[in-house]
Amino acid sequence: MMNIFDKYVQQYDAWYDRHPYAYESELKALRQVLPRGGRGLEIGVGTGRFAAPLKITIGIDPSSTMAAKARERGVNTRWGYGEDLPFTDGAFDYAVMVISLCFVNDPLQVLQEIRRVLRDGGEIIIAIVDKESFLGRAYRRKKSPFYRHARFFDVRELKDYLSQTGFGRFSFHQTLFDLPDRLTCVEEPQKGFGQGGFVVVRAVKTEH
């Protein structure tokens, strides 16, 4: 699957240029829950489209082509997989995944690894295209070279996975209340889930 991301890196990056209102809406939703300080990590950093504006200085990605693009945007990016993070225990205050959970081989292993590299009380922020939303249904019908390989999650399923791997104290924010092609402005994120296609789930590392 990573060959897909290596091959279509320009196509991936161009999507954000063609859909600026969707992109800025997603960034705005992420900023609602992102910690104001601390050491952060983005897993599946891609080309750095989120890490760079959100000032997340460290990333990891299994696509060397995308990682190179992220470095150009100022993100210290390592090659690697979320199932085996090359960082010490408790190295980060928070970790972020934007859409990338739906492309990993073992979601539970990735979440366990994220928990390991977070300090006690550290935060995980995961953004997904909600499988049960209008956007999730539309993306599953599309012939995208990316989403044809994706495993979509709904919010309750993701919350269950996070609970299983030692996270709690959840909060939810949603945006993209219409298809990206139809947006005419940057949307204000709303708390909760069920209406927006793009959902940001925040949780805290708890004691076992």
N, C-alpha and C. Protein backbone atom coordinates (compact mmCIF):
# COMPACT_ATOMS: atom_id res chain seq x y z
N MET A 1 0.81 -1.21 0.00
CA MET A 1 0.00 0.00 0.00
C MET A 1 0.85 1.27 0.00
N MET A 2 2.03 1.21 0.64
CA MET A 2 2.84 2.41 0.70
C MET A 2 3.34 2.83 -0.67
N ASN A 3 3.40 1.85 -1.62
CA ASN A 3 3.76 2.23 -2.98
C ASN A 3 2.75 3.20 -3.57
N ILE A 4 1.49 3.09 -3.14
CA ILE A 4 0.45 4.01 -3.60
C ILE A 4 0.80 5.44 -3.17
N PHE A 5 1.20 5.60 -1.92
CA PHE A 5 1.51 6.94 -1.42
C PHE A 5 2.80 7.48 -2.03
N ASP A 6 3.75 6.60 -2.29
CA ASP A 6 4.96 7.04 -2.97
C ASP A 6 4.65 7.49 -4.40
N LYS A 7 3.78 6.76 -5.05
CA LYS A 7 3.47 7.02 -6.47
C LYS A 7 2.63 8.27 -6.66
N TYR A 8 1.68 8.50 -5.74
CA TYR A 8 0.71 9.57 -5.93
C TYR A 8 0.91 10.74 -4.97
N VAL A 9 2.14 10.98 -4.57
CA VAL A 9 2.39 12.04 -3.59
C VAL A 9 1.92 13.40 -4.08
N GLN A 10 2.12 13.71 -5.36
CA GLN A 10 1.69 15.01 -5.89
C GLN A 10 0.17 15.10 -5.91
N GLN A 11 -0.48 14.01 -6.25
CA GLN A 11 -1.95 13.99 -6.27
C GLN A 11 -2.50 14.18 -4.86
N TYR A 12 -1.86 13.54 -3.89
CA TYR A 12 -2.26 13.69 -2.49
C TYR A 12 -2.16 15.15 -2.06
N ASP A 13 -1.03 15.76 -2.32
CA ASP A 13 -0.79 17.13 -1.88
C ASP A 13 -1.72 18.11 -2.59
N ALA A 14 -1.99 17.85 -3.86
CA ALA A 14 -2.81 18.77 -4.65
C ALA A 14 -4.25 18.82 -4.16
N TRP A 15 -4.72 17.76 -3.51
CA TRP A 15 -6.10 17.74 -3.02
C TRP A 15 -6.33 18.92 -2.06
N TYR A 16 -5.36 19.20 -1.21
CA TYR A 16 -5.51 20.27 -0.23
C TYR A 16 -5.51 21.65 -0.90
N ASP A 17 -4.78 21.78 -1.99
CA ASP A 17 -4.78 23.03 -2.74
C ASP A 17 -6.12 23.25 -3.44
N ARG A 18 -6.73 22.17 -3.91
CA ARG A 18 -8.02 22.28 -4.61
C ARG A 18 -9.20 22.45 -3.66
N HIS A 19 -9.01 22.10 -2.39
CA HIS A 19 -10.11 22.16 -1.41
C HIS A 19 -9.67 22.96 -0.18
N PRO A 20 -9.36 24.24 -0.37
CA PRO A 20 -8.83 25.02 0.76
C PRO A 20 -9.81 25.18 1.92
N TYR A 21 -11.11 25.27 1.65
CA TYR A 21 -12.06 25.43 2.74
C TYR A 21 -12.16 24.16 3.58
N ALA A 22 -12.12 23.01 2.92
CA ALA A 22 -12.14 21.75 3.66
C ALA A 22 -10.87 21.61 4.50
N TYR A 23 -9.74 21.91 3.89
CA TYR A 23 -8.45 21.80 4.58
C TYR A 23 -8.40 22.71 5.80
N GLU A 24 -8.78 23.96 5.64
CA GLU A 24 -8.74 24.90 6.76
C GLU A 24 -9.78 24.54 7.82
N SER A 25 -10.90 23.97 7.40
CA SER A 25 -11.90 23.52 8.37
C SER A 25 -11.35 22.37 9.22
N GLU A 26 -10.64 21.46 8.59
CA GLU A 26 -10.04 20.35 9.31
C GLU A 26 -8.98 20.85 10.30
N LEU A 27 -8.15 21.78 9.85
CA LEU A 27 -7.14 22.35 10.74
C LEU A 27 -7.81 23.04 11.94
N LYS A 28 -8.89 23.74 11.68
CA LYS A 28 -9.58 24.46 12.75
C LYS A 28 -10.14 23.49 13.79
N ALA A 29 -10.69 22.37 13.33
CA ALA A 29 -11.20 21.36 14.26
C ALA A 29 -10.08 20.76 15.09
N LEU A 30 -8.95 20.49 14.47
CA LEU A 30 -7.81 19.94 15.20
C LEU A 30 -7.29 20.93 16.24
N ARG A 31 -7.27 22.19 15.91
CA ARG A 31 -6.78 23.21 16.85
C ARG A 31 -7.67 23.32 18.08
N GLN A 32 -8.93 22.90 17.99
CA GLN A 32 -9.83 22.94 19.15
C GLN A 32 -9.31 22.08 20.29
N VAL A 33 -8.58 21.01 19.97
CA VAL A 33 -8.17 20.06 21.01
C VAL A 33 -6.66 19.93 21.14
N LEU A 34 -5.90 20.51 20.24
CA LEU A 34 -4.45 20.35 20.28
C LEU A 34 -3.87 21.06 21.51
N PRO A 35 -3.01 20.41 22.27
CA PRO A 35 -2.38 21.09 23.41
C PRO A 35 -1.62 22.34 22.98
N ARG A 36 -1.57 23.32 23.83
CA ARG A 36 -0.91 24.60 23.50
C ARG A 36 0.61 24.48 23.57
N GLY A 37 1.09 23.48 24.25
CA GLY A 37 2.54 23.30 24.36
C GLY A 37 2.87 21.83 24.47
N GLY A 38 4.14 21.55 24.69
CA GLY A 38 4.56 20.17 24.84
C GLY A 38 5.15 19.61 23.56
N ARG A 39 5.70 18.42 23.69
CA ARG A 39 6.36 17.75 22.57
C ARG A 39 5.37 16.82 21.87
N GLY A 40 5.13 17.08 20.59
CA GLY A 40 4.13 16.32 19.86
C GLY A 40 4.72 15.48 18.76
N LEU A 41 3.98 14.44 18.37
CA LEU A 41 4.36 13.52 17.30
C LEU A 41 3.16 13.30 16.41
N GLU A 42 3.37 13.35 15.07
CA GLU A 42 2.31 12.92 14.16
C GLU A 42 2.70 11.60 13.53
N ILE A 43 1.82 10.61 13.66
CA ILE A 43 2.03 9.30 13.06
C ILE A 43 1.29 9.27 11.73
N GLY A 44 1.98 8.90 10.65
CA GLY A 44 1.40 9.03 9.33
C GLY A 44 1.41 10.48 8.90
N VAL A 45 2.55 11.12 9.05
CA VAL A 45 2.65 12.57 8.84
C VAL A 45 2.45 12.95 7.39
N GLY A 46 2.63 11.99 6.46
CA GLY A 46 2.44 12.31 5.05
C GLY A 46 3.39 13.39 4.57
N THR A 47 2.86 14.38 3.89
CA THR A 47 3.68 15.47 3.36
C THR A 47 3.80 16.64 4.32
N GLY A 48 3.33 16.46 5.55
CA GLY A 48 3.43 17.53 6.54
C GLY A 48 2.34 18.56 6.45
N ARG A 49 1.28 18.27 5.72
CA ARG A 49 0.19 19.22 5.53
C ARG A 49 -0.47 19.63 6.84
N PHE A 50 -0.47 18.74 7.83
CA PHE A 50 -1.06 19.08 9.13
C PHE A 50 0.01 19.41 10.16
N ALA A 51 1.08 18.63 10.19
CA ALA A 51 2.12 18.86 11.20
C ALA A 51 2.70 20.27 11.10
N ALA A 52 2.98 20.72 9.89
CA ALA A 52 3.64 22.02 9.73
C ALA A 52 2.80 23.17 10.27
N PRO A 53 1.54 23.37 9.83
CA PRO A 53 0.76 24.48 10.35
C PRO A 53 0.38 24.31 11.82
N LEU A 54 0.30 23.07 12.30
CA LEU A 54 -0.03 22.84 13.70
C LEU A 54 1.21 22.86 14.60
N LYS A 55 2.37 23.09 13.99
CA LYS A 55 3.63 23.21 14.72
C LYS A 55 3.99 21.92 15.48
N ILE A 56 3.69 20.78 14.85
CA ILE A 56 4.14 19.48 15.34
C ILE A 56 5.47 19.21 14.66
N THR A 57 6.52 19.18 15.41
CA THR A 57 7.86 19.20 14.81
C THR A 57 8.42 17.82 14.48
N ILE A 58 7.78 16.74 14.96
CA ILE A 58 8.30 15.39 14.74
C ILE A 58 7.21 14.53 14.09
N GLY A 59 7.61 13.78 13.06
CA GLY A 59 6.65 12.91 12.39
C GLY A 59 7.28 11.61 11.98
N ILE A 60 6.44 10.65 11.65
CA ILE A 60 6.90 9.36 11.14
C ILE A 60 5.96 8.93 10.02
N ASP A 61 6.52 8.31 8.98
CA ASP A 61 5.70 7.88 7.86
C ASP A 61 6.42 6.75 7.12
N PRO A 62 5.67 5.75 6.61
CA PRO A 62 6.30 4.67 5.87
C PRO A 62 6.55 4.97 4.40
N SER A 63 6.13 6.14 3.93
CA SER A 63 6.41 6.55 2.55
C SER A 63 7.61 7.49 2.55
N SER A 64 8.72 7.05 1.99
CA SER A 64 9.92 7.89 1.98
C SER A 64 9.71 9.14 1.13
N THR A 65 8.90 9.04 0.09
CA THR A 65 8.64 10.21 -0.76
C THR A 65 7.85 11.27 -0.01
N MET A 66 6.82 10.84 0.71
CA MET A 66 6.05 11.79 1.49
C MET A 66 6.87 12.36 2.64
N ALA A 67 7.67 11.51 3.27
CA ALA A 67 8.51 11.98 4.37
C ALA A 67 9.46 13.08 3.90
N ALA A 68 9.99 12.93 2.71
CA ALA A 68 10.88 13.95 2.16
C ALA A 68 10.15 15.28 1.99
N LYS A 69 8.89 15.21 1.56
CA LYS A 69 8.09 16.42 1.40
C LYS A 69 7.82 17.07 2.76
N ALA A 70 7.55 16.26 3.76
CA ALA A 70 7.33 16.79 5.11
C ALA A 70 8.57 17.50 5.63
N ARG A 71 9.74 16.93 5.35
CA ARG A 71 10.99 17.58 5.78
C ARG A 71 11.14 18.95 5.12
N GLU A 72 10.73 19.06 3.87
CA GLU A 72 10.77 20.36 3.19
C GLU A 72 9.90 21.39 3.90
N ARG A 73 8.86 20.91 4.59
CA ARG A 73 7.96 21.80 5.32
C ARG A 73 8.43 22.01 6.76
N GLY A 74 9.61 21.52 7.09
CA GLY A 74 10.19 21.79 8.40
C GLY A 74 9.88 20.77 9.47
N VAL A 75 9.32 19.62 9.08
CA VAL A 75 8.98 18.59 10.06
C VAL A 75 10.11 17.56 10.11
N ASN A 76 10.63 17.30 11.29
CA ASN A 76 11.68 16.29 11.49
C ASN A 76 11.03 14.91 11.35
N THR A 77 11.12 14.34 10.16
CA THR A 77 10.36 13.13 9.84
C THR A 77 11.27 11.92 9.70
N ARG A 78 10.88 10.85 10.38
CA ARG A 78 11.58 9.58 10.26
C ARG A 78 10.75 8.60 9.43
N TRP A 79 11.43 7.69 8.77
CA TRP A 79 10.75 6.61 8.08
C TRP A 79 10.40 5.54 9.09
N GLY A 80 9.19 5.02 9.02
CA GLY A 80 8.81 3.95 9.93
C GLY A 80 7.32 3.73 9.96
N TYR A 81 6.91 2.75 10.77
CA TYR A 81 5.52 2.33 10.86
C TYR A 81 4.97 2.58 12.26
N GLY A 82 3.68 2.85 12.32
CA GLY A 82 3.05 3.10 13.61
C GLY A 82 3.05 1.90 14.53
N GLU A 83 3.12 0.70 13.97
CA GLU A 83 3.15 -0.50 14.79
C GLU A 83 4.46 -0.69 15.54
N ASP A 84 5.49 0.05 15.18
CA ASP A 84 6.81 -0.10 15.81
C ASP A 84 7.49 1.27 15.84
N LEU A 85 7.03 2.13 16.73
CA LEU A 85 7.53 3.51 16.76
C LEU A 85 8.96 3.56 17.30
N PRO A 86 9.86 4.24 16.60
CA PRO A 86 11.27 4.27 17.00
C PRO A 86 11.56 5.36 18.04
N PHE A 87 10.79 5.34 19.13
CA PHE A 87 10.94 6.33 20.18
C PHE A 87 10.86 5.64 21.54
N THR A 88 11.45 6.27 22.54
CA THR A 88 11.48 5.69 23.88
C THR A 88 10.13 5.87 24.59
N ASP A 89 9.94 5.11 25.63
CA ASP A 89 8.71 5.21 26.42
C ASP A 89 8.57 6.63 26.98
N GLY A 90 7.35 7.14 26.93
CA GLY A 90 7.05 8.44 27.53
C GLY A 90 7.74 9.62 26.90
N ALA A 91 8.10 9.51 25.62
CA ALA A 91 8.88 10.57 24.97
C ALA A 91 8.05 11.79 24.56
N PHE A 92 6.72 11.64 24.50
CA PHE A 92 5.90 12.72 23.94
C PHE A 92 4.76 13.09 24.88
N ASP A 93 4.35 14.36 24.77
CA ASP A 93 3.21 14.87 25.53
C ASP A 93 1.90 14.60 24.81
N TYR A 94 1.94 14.54 23.49
CA TYR A 94 0.73 14.23 22.73
C TYR A 94 1.12 13.63 21.38
N ALA A 95 0.17 12.90 20.80
CA ALA A 95 0.38 12.28 19.50
C ALA A 95 -0.87 12.49 18.65
N VAL A 96 -0.65 12.67 17.35
CA VAL A 96 -1.73 12.99 16.42
C VAL A 96 -1.72 12.01 15.26
N MET A 97 -2.90 11.60 14.84
CA MET A 97 -3.07 10.85 13.59
C MET A 97 -4.24 11.48 12.83
N VAL A 98 -3.99 11.91 11.60
CA VAL A 98 -5.04 12.51 10.79
C VAL A 98 -5.33 11.57 9.63
N ILE A 99 -6.45 10.89 9.68
CA ILE A 99 -6.93 9.95 8.67
C ILE A 99 -6.08 8.67 8.60
N SER A 100 -4.82 8.73 8.97
CA SER A 100 -3.88 7.64 8.68
C SER A 100 -4.20 6.33 9.40
N LEU A 101 -5.01 6.35 10.46
CA LEU A 101 -5.33 5.09 11.14
C LEU A 101 -6.02 4.12 10.19
N CYS A 102 -6.75 4.65 9.21
CA CYS A 102 -7.50 3.75 8.32
C CYS A 102 -6.60 3.06 7.30
N PHE A 103 -5.30 3.39 7.30
CA PHE A 103 -4.38 2.75 6.36
C PHE A 103 -3.38 1.81 7.03
N VAL A 104 -3.44 1.67 8.35
CA VAL A 104 -2.45 0.83 9.04
C VAL A 104 -2.88 -0.64 8.98
N ASN A 105 -1.91 -1.53 9.18
CA ASN A 105 -2.19 -2.96 9.16
C ASN A 105 -2.84 -3.45 10.45
N ASP A 106 -2.43 -2.88 11.59
CA ASP A 106 -2.90 -3.36 12.89
C ASP A 106 -3.24 -2.16 13.77
N PRO A 107 -4.48 -1.67 13.72
CA PRO A 107 -4.85 -0.47 14.48
C PRO A 107 -4.60 -0.59 15.98
N LEU A 108 -4.91 -1.74 16.57
CA LEU A 108 -4.71 -1.89 18.01
C LEU A 108 -3.23 -1.81 18.38
N GLN A 109 -2.37 -2.40 17.57
CA GLN A 109 -0.93 -2.33 17.84
C GLN A 109 -0.44 -0.89 17.73
N VAL A 110 -0.94 -0.16 16.76
CA VAL A 110 -0.55 1.24 16.62
C VAL A 110 -0.97 2.04 17.85
N LEU A 111 -2.19 1.84 18.32
CA LEU A 111 -2.66 2.57 19.50
C LEU A 111 -1.87 2.18 20.74
N GLN A 112 -1.52 0.91 20.86
CA GLN A 112 -0.68 0.48 21.99
C GLN A 112 0.70 1.13 21.94
N GLU A 113 1.27 1.23 20.75
CA GLU A 113 2.56 1.89 20.59
C GLU A 113 2.47 3.37 20.93
N ILE A 114 1.40 4.01 20.49
CA ILE A 114 1.23 5.43 20.83
C ILE A 114 1.14 5.60 22.34
N ARG A 115 0.38 4.73 22.99
CA ARG A 115 0.28 4.82 24.45
C ARG A 115 1.66 4.68 25.09
N ARG A 116 2.46 3.78 24.57
CA ARG A 116 3.79 3.55 25.14
C ARG A 116 4.66 4.80 25.06
N VAL A 117 4.62 5.53 23.93
CA VAL A 117 5.52 6.67 23.77
C VAL A 117 4.96 7.95 24.38
N LEU A 118 3.74 7.90 24.93
CA LEU A 118 3.18 9.06 25.60
C LEU A 118 3.54 9.05 27.09
N ARG A 119 3.76 10.22 27.63
CA ARG A 119 3.95 10.35 29.08
C ARG A 119 2.64 10.03 29.78
N ASP A 120 2.69 9.84 31.10
CA ASP A 120 1.47 9.65 31.88
C ASP A 120 0.59 10.88 31.73
N GLY A 121 -0.66 10.66 31.40
CA GLY A 121 -1.57 11.78 31.19
C GLY A 121 -1.45 12.41 29.82
N GLY A 122 -0.62 11.84 28.95
CA GLY A 122 -0.47 12.37 27.60
C GLY A 122 -1.75 12.21 26.78
N GLU A 123 -1.85 12.96 25.70
CA GLU A 123 -3.09 13.00 24.92
C GLU A 123 -2.89 12.41 23.53
N ILE A 124 -3.90 11.72 23.05
CA ILE A 124 -3.95 11.22 21.69
C ILE A 124 -5.07 11.95 20.97
N ILE A 125 -4.80 12.41 19.76
CA ILE A 125 -5.77 13.11 18.94
C ILE A 125 -5.84 12.39 17.60
N ILE A 126 -6.99 11.80 17.29
CA ILE A 126 -7.16 11.05 16.06
C ILE A 126 -8.31 11.64 15.26
N ALA A 127 -8.05 11.97 14.02
CA ALA A 127 -9.08 12.47 13.12
C ALA A 127 -9.42 11.39 12.10
N ILE A 128 -10.71 11.19 11.89
CA ILE A 128 -11.16 10.18 10.94
C ILE A 128 -12.25 10.77 10.05
N VAL A 129 -12.43 10.16 8.89
CA VAL A 129 -13.65 10.34 8.12
C VAL A 129 -14.63 9.30 8.67
N ASP A 130 -15.66 9.76 9.34
CA ASP A 130 -16.60 8.86 10.01
C ASP A 130 -17.28 7.94 8.99
N LYS A 131 -17.10 6.65 9.17
CA LYS A 131 -17.67 5.66 8.26
C LYS A 131 -19.17 5.82 8.10
N GLU A 132 -19.86 6.22 9.17
CA GLU A 132 -21.32 6.30 9.15
C GLU A 132 -21.83 7.63 8.61
N SER A 133 -20.94 8.55 8.29
CA SER A 133 -21.37 9.88 7.82
C SER A 133 -21.60 9.87 6.31
N PHE A 134 -22.26 10.92 5.82
CA PHE A 134 -22.44 11.09 4.37
C PHE A 134 -21.10 11.10 3.65
N LEU A 135 -20.07 11.67 4.29
CA LEU A 135 -18.76 11.76 3.66
C LEU A 135 -18.10 10.38 3.61
N GLY A 136 -18.23 9.62 4.68
CA GLY A 136 -17.70 8.26 4.68
C GLY A 136 -18.32 7.41 3.59
N ARG A 137 -19.62 7.54 3.43
CA ARG A 137 -20.30 6.77 2.37
C ARG A 137 -19.84 7.21 0.99
N ALA A 138 -19.67 8.52 0.81
CA ALA A 138 -19.21 9.04 -0.49
C ALA A 138 -17.80 8.58 -0.80
N TYR A 139 -16.92 8.61 0.19
CA TYR A 139 -15.53 8.21 -0.04
C TYR A 139 -15.41 6.72 -0.33
N ARG A 140 -16.28 5.93 0.27
CA ARG A 140 -16.24 4.49 0.01
C ARG A 140 -16.70 4.17 -1.40
N ARG A 141 -17.49 5.05 -1.99
CA ARG A 141 -17.94 4.84 -3.37
C ARG A 141 -16.94 5.36 -4.39
N LYS A 142 -16.06 6.26 -3.98
CA LYS A 142 -15.12 6.88 -4.91
C LYS A 142 -14.06 5.88 -5.39
N LYS A 143 -13.49 6.18 -6.55
CA LYS A 143 -12.44 5.34 -7.11
C LYS A 143 -11.05 5.92 -6.81
N SER A 144 -10.92 6.56 -5.65
CA SER A 144 -9.65 7.16 -5.27
C SER A 144 -8.57 6.09 -5.13
N PRO A 145 -7.35 6.37 -5.62
CA PRO A 145 -6.26 5.39 -5.43
C PRO A 145 -5.91 5.18 -3.97
N PHE A 146 -6.31 6.14 -3.11
CA PHE A 146 -6.02 6.02 -1.68
C PHE A 146 -7.14 5.29 -0.94
N TYR A 147 -8.38 5.79 -1.07
CA TYR A 147 -9.45 5.28 -0.23
C TYR A 147 -9.93 3.89 -0.62
N ARG A 148 -9.58 3.42 -1.80
CA ARG A 148 -9.94 2.04 -2.13
C ARG A 148 -9.19 1.05 -1.25
N HIS A 149 -8.09 1.50 -0.63
CA HIS A 149 -7.30 0.65 0.27
C HIS A 149 -7.62 0.90 1.75
N ALA A 150 -8.51 1.84 2.02
CA ALA A 150 -8.72 2.27 3.40
C ALA A 150 -9.70 1.35 4.13
N ARG A 151 -9.50 1.27 5.43
CA ARG A 151 -10.48 0.66 6.32
C ARG A 151 -11.08 1.80 7.14
N PHE A 152 -12.34 2.12 6.84
CA PHE A 152 -12.99 3.23 7.53
C PHE A 152 -13.48 2.78 8.91
N PHE A 153 -13.45 3.72 9.86
CA PHE A 153 -13.95 3.48 11.21
C PHE A 153 -15.13 4.41 11.48
N ASP A 154 -16.06 3.94 12.30
CA ASP A 154 -17.03 4.89 12.85
C ASP A 154 -16.53 5.32 14.23
N VAL A 155 -17.12 6.36 14.76
CA VAL A 155 -16.60 6.97 15.98
C VAL A 155 -16.69 6.02 17.17
N ARG A 156 -17.79 5.31 17.28
CA ARG A 156 -17.95 4.40 18.42
C ARG A 156 -16.93 3.25 18.36
N GLU A 157 -16.65 2.78 17.17
CA GLU A 157 -15.64 1.74 17.02
C GLU A 157 -14.27 2.25 17.43
N LEU A 158 -13.93 3.45 17.01
CA LEU A 158 -12.64 4.04 17.39
C LEU A 158 -12.57 4.24 18.91
N LYS A 159 -13.65 4.73 19.50
CA LYS A 159 -13.66 4.92 20.96
C LYS A 159 -13.44 3.59 21.67
N ASP A 160 -14.04 2.51 21.17
CA ASP A 160 -13.85 1.20 21.77
C ASP A 160 -12.40 0.76 21.67
N TYR A 161 -11.77 0.97 20.50
CA TYR A 161 -10.36 0.63 20.33
C TYR A 161 -9.49 1.42 21.32
N LEU A 162 -9.77 2.68 21.46
CA LEU A 162 -9.00 3.52 22.38
C LEU A 162 -9.18 3.07 23.82
N SER A 163 -10.38 2.72 24.19
CA SER A 163 -10.63 2.23 25.56
C SER A 163 -9.86 0.94 25.81
N GLN A 164 -9.84 0.05 24.82
CA GLN A 164 -9.13 -1.23 24.97
C GLN A 164 -7.64 -1.02 25.18
N THR A 165 -7.09 0.06 24.64
CA THR A 165 -5.64 0.26 24.69
C THR A 165 -5.22 1.28 25.75
N GLY A 166 -6.13 1.59 26.68
CA GLY A 166 -5.72 2.39 27.84
C GLY A 166 -5.90 3.88 27.70
N PHE A 167 -6.93 4.30 26.98
CA PHE A 167 -7.24 5.73 26.86
C PHE A 167 -8.66 5.99 27.37
N GLY A 168 -8.85 7.18 27.90
CA GLY A 168 -10.17 7.57 28.41
C GLY A 168 -10.34 9.09 28.35
N ARG A 169 -11.40 9.58 29.02
CA ARG A 169 -11.70 11.03 29.08
C ARG A 169 -11.80 11.61 27.66
N PHE A 170 -12.78 11.13 26.94
CA PHE A 170 -12.93 11.45 25.53
C PHE A 170 -13.59 12.80 25.30
N SER A 171 -13.23 13.42 24.18
CA SER A 171 -13.98 14.57 23.65
C SER A 171 -14.02 14.43 22.14
N PHE A 172 -15.04 15.04 21.53
CA PHE A 172 -15.28 14.89 20.09
C PHE A 172 -15.61 16.25 19.48
N HIS A 173 -15.02 16.50 18.33
CA HIS A 173 -15.33 17.69 17.54
C HIS A 173 -15.50 17.27 16.09
N GLN A 174 -16.41 17.94 15.40
CA GLN A 174 -16.74 17.56 14.02
C GLN A 174 -16.78 18.77 13.11
N THR A 175 -16.47 18.52 11.84
CA THR A 175 -16.57 19.55 10.81
C THR A 175 -16.83 18.84 9.47
N LEU A 176 -16.83 19.60 8.40
CA LEU A 176 -17.21 19.14 7.06
C LEU A 176 -18.66 18.64 7.07
N PHE A 177 -19.56 19.62 7.02
CA PHE A 177 -20.99 19.32 7.02
C PHE A 177 -21.56 19.27 5.59
N ASP A 178 -20.68 19.37 4.62
CA ASP A 178 -21.03 19.18 3.22
C ASP A 178 -19.80 18.60 2.51
N LEU A 179 -19.98 18.16 1.29
CA LEU A 179 -18.86 17.61 0.53
C LEU A 179 -17.80 18.68 0.31
N PRO A 180 -16.53 18.31 0.33
CA PRO A 180 -15.46 19.30 0.15
C PRO A 180 -15.60 20.15 -1.10
N ASP A 181 -16.09 19.59 -2.18
CA ASP A 181 -16.26 20.35 -3.43
C ASP A 181 -17.31 21.44 -3.31
N ARG A 182 -18.20 21.33 -2.34
CA ARG A 182 -19.32 22.26 -2.23
C ARG A 182 -19.10 23.37 -1.20
N LEU A 183 -18.05 23.27 -0.40
CA LEU A 183 -17.84 24.26 0.65
C LEU A 183 -17.49 25.61 0.05
N THR A 184 -18.04 26.66 0.64
CA THR A 184 -17.77 28.02 0.17
C THR A 184 -17.13 28.89 1.25
N CYS A 185 -16.85 28.28 2.41
CA CYS A 185 -16.19 29.02 3.49
C CYS A 185 -15.59 28.01 4.45
N VAL A 186 -14.76 28.51 5.37
CA VAL A 186 -14.21 27.67 6.43
C VAL A 186 -15.29 27.48 7.48
N GLU A 187 -15.55 26.25 7.85
CA GLU A 187 -16.62 25.94 8.79
C GLU A 187 -16.14 26.06 10.24
N GLU A 188 -17.07 26.39 11.13
CA GLU A 188 -16.81 26.38 12.56
C GLU A 188 -17.02 24.96 13.07
N PRO A 189 -16.04 24.37 13.71
CA PRO A 189 -16.24 23.02 14.25
C PRO A 189 -17.28 23.01 15.35
N GLN A 190 -17.97 21.89 15.49
CA GLN A 190 -18.97 21.72 16.53
C GLN A 190 -18.59 20.54 17.41
N LYS A 191 -18.97 20.61 18.66
CA LYS A 191 -18.71 19.50 19.57
C LYS A 191 -19.60 18.32 19.19
N GLY A 192 -19.10 17.12 19.51
CA GLY A 192 -19.87 15.92 19.27
C GLY A 192 -19.57 15.30 17.92
N PHE A 193 -20.43 14.38 17.51
CA PHE A 193 -20.27 13.71 16.22
C PHE A 193 -21.65 13.25 15.77
N GLY A 194 -21.73 12.91 14.48
CA GLY A 194 -23.01 12.44 13.96
C GLY A 194 -23.52 13.24 12.78
N GLN A 195 -23.02 14.48 12.64
CA GLN A 195 -23.41 15.32 11.50
C GLN A 195 -22.23 15.59 10.57
N GLY A 196 -21.07 15.89 11.11
CA GLY A 196 -19.91 16.20 10.30
C GLY A 196 -19.23 14.95 9.78
N GLY A 197 -18.62 15.07 8.60
CA GLY A 197 -17.92 13.93 8.02
C GLY A 197 -16.54 13.71 8.59
N PHE A 198 -15.90 14.78 9.09
CA PHE A 198 -14.55 14.74 9.64
C PHE A 198 -14.67 14.91 11.15
N VAL A 199 -14.24 13.89 11.90
CA VAL A 199 -14.40 13.90 13.35
C VAL A 199 -13.04 13.78 14.02
N VAL A 200 -12.80 14.65 15.00
CA VAL A 200 -11.57 14.64 15.78
C VAL A 200 -11.89 14.07 17.16
N VAL A 201 -11.23 12.99 17.50
CA VAL A 201 -11.42 12.33 18.80
C VAL A 201 -10.18 12.57 19.64
N ARG A 202 -10.38 13.11 20.82
CA ARG A 202 -9.28 13.33 21.76
C ARG A 202 -9.49 12.42 22.96
N ALA A 203 -8.40 11.81 23.45
CA ALA A 203 -8.46 10.97 24.63
C ALA A 203 -7.14 11.12 25.40
N VAL A 204 -7.17 10.68 26.65
CA VAL A 204 -6.03 10.82 27.55
C VAL A 204 -5.53 9.44 27.97
N LYS A 205 -4.21 9.29 28.03
CA LYS A 205 -3.61 8.05 28.52
C LYS A 205 -3.95 7.89 29.98
N THR A 206 -4.59 6.76 30.32
CA THR A 206 -5.01 6.50 31.68
C THR A 206 -4.15 5.38 32.27
N GLU A 207 -4.25 5.23 33.59
CA GLU A 207 -3.54 4.14 34.24
C GLU A 207 -4.28 2.84 34.00
N HIS A 208 -3.50 1.77 33.78
CA HIS A 208 -4.13 0.44 33.63
C HIS A 208 -4.72 -0.02 34.95
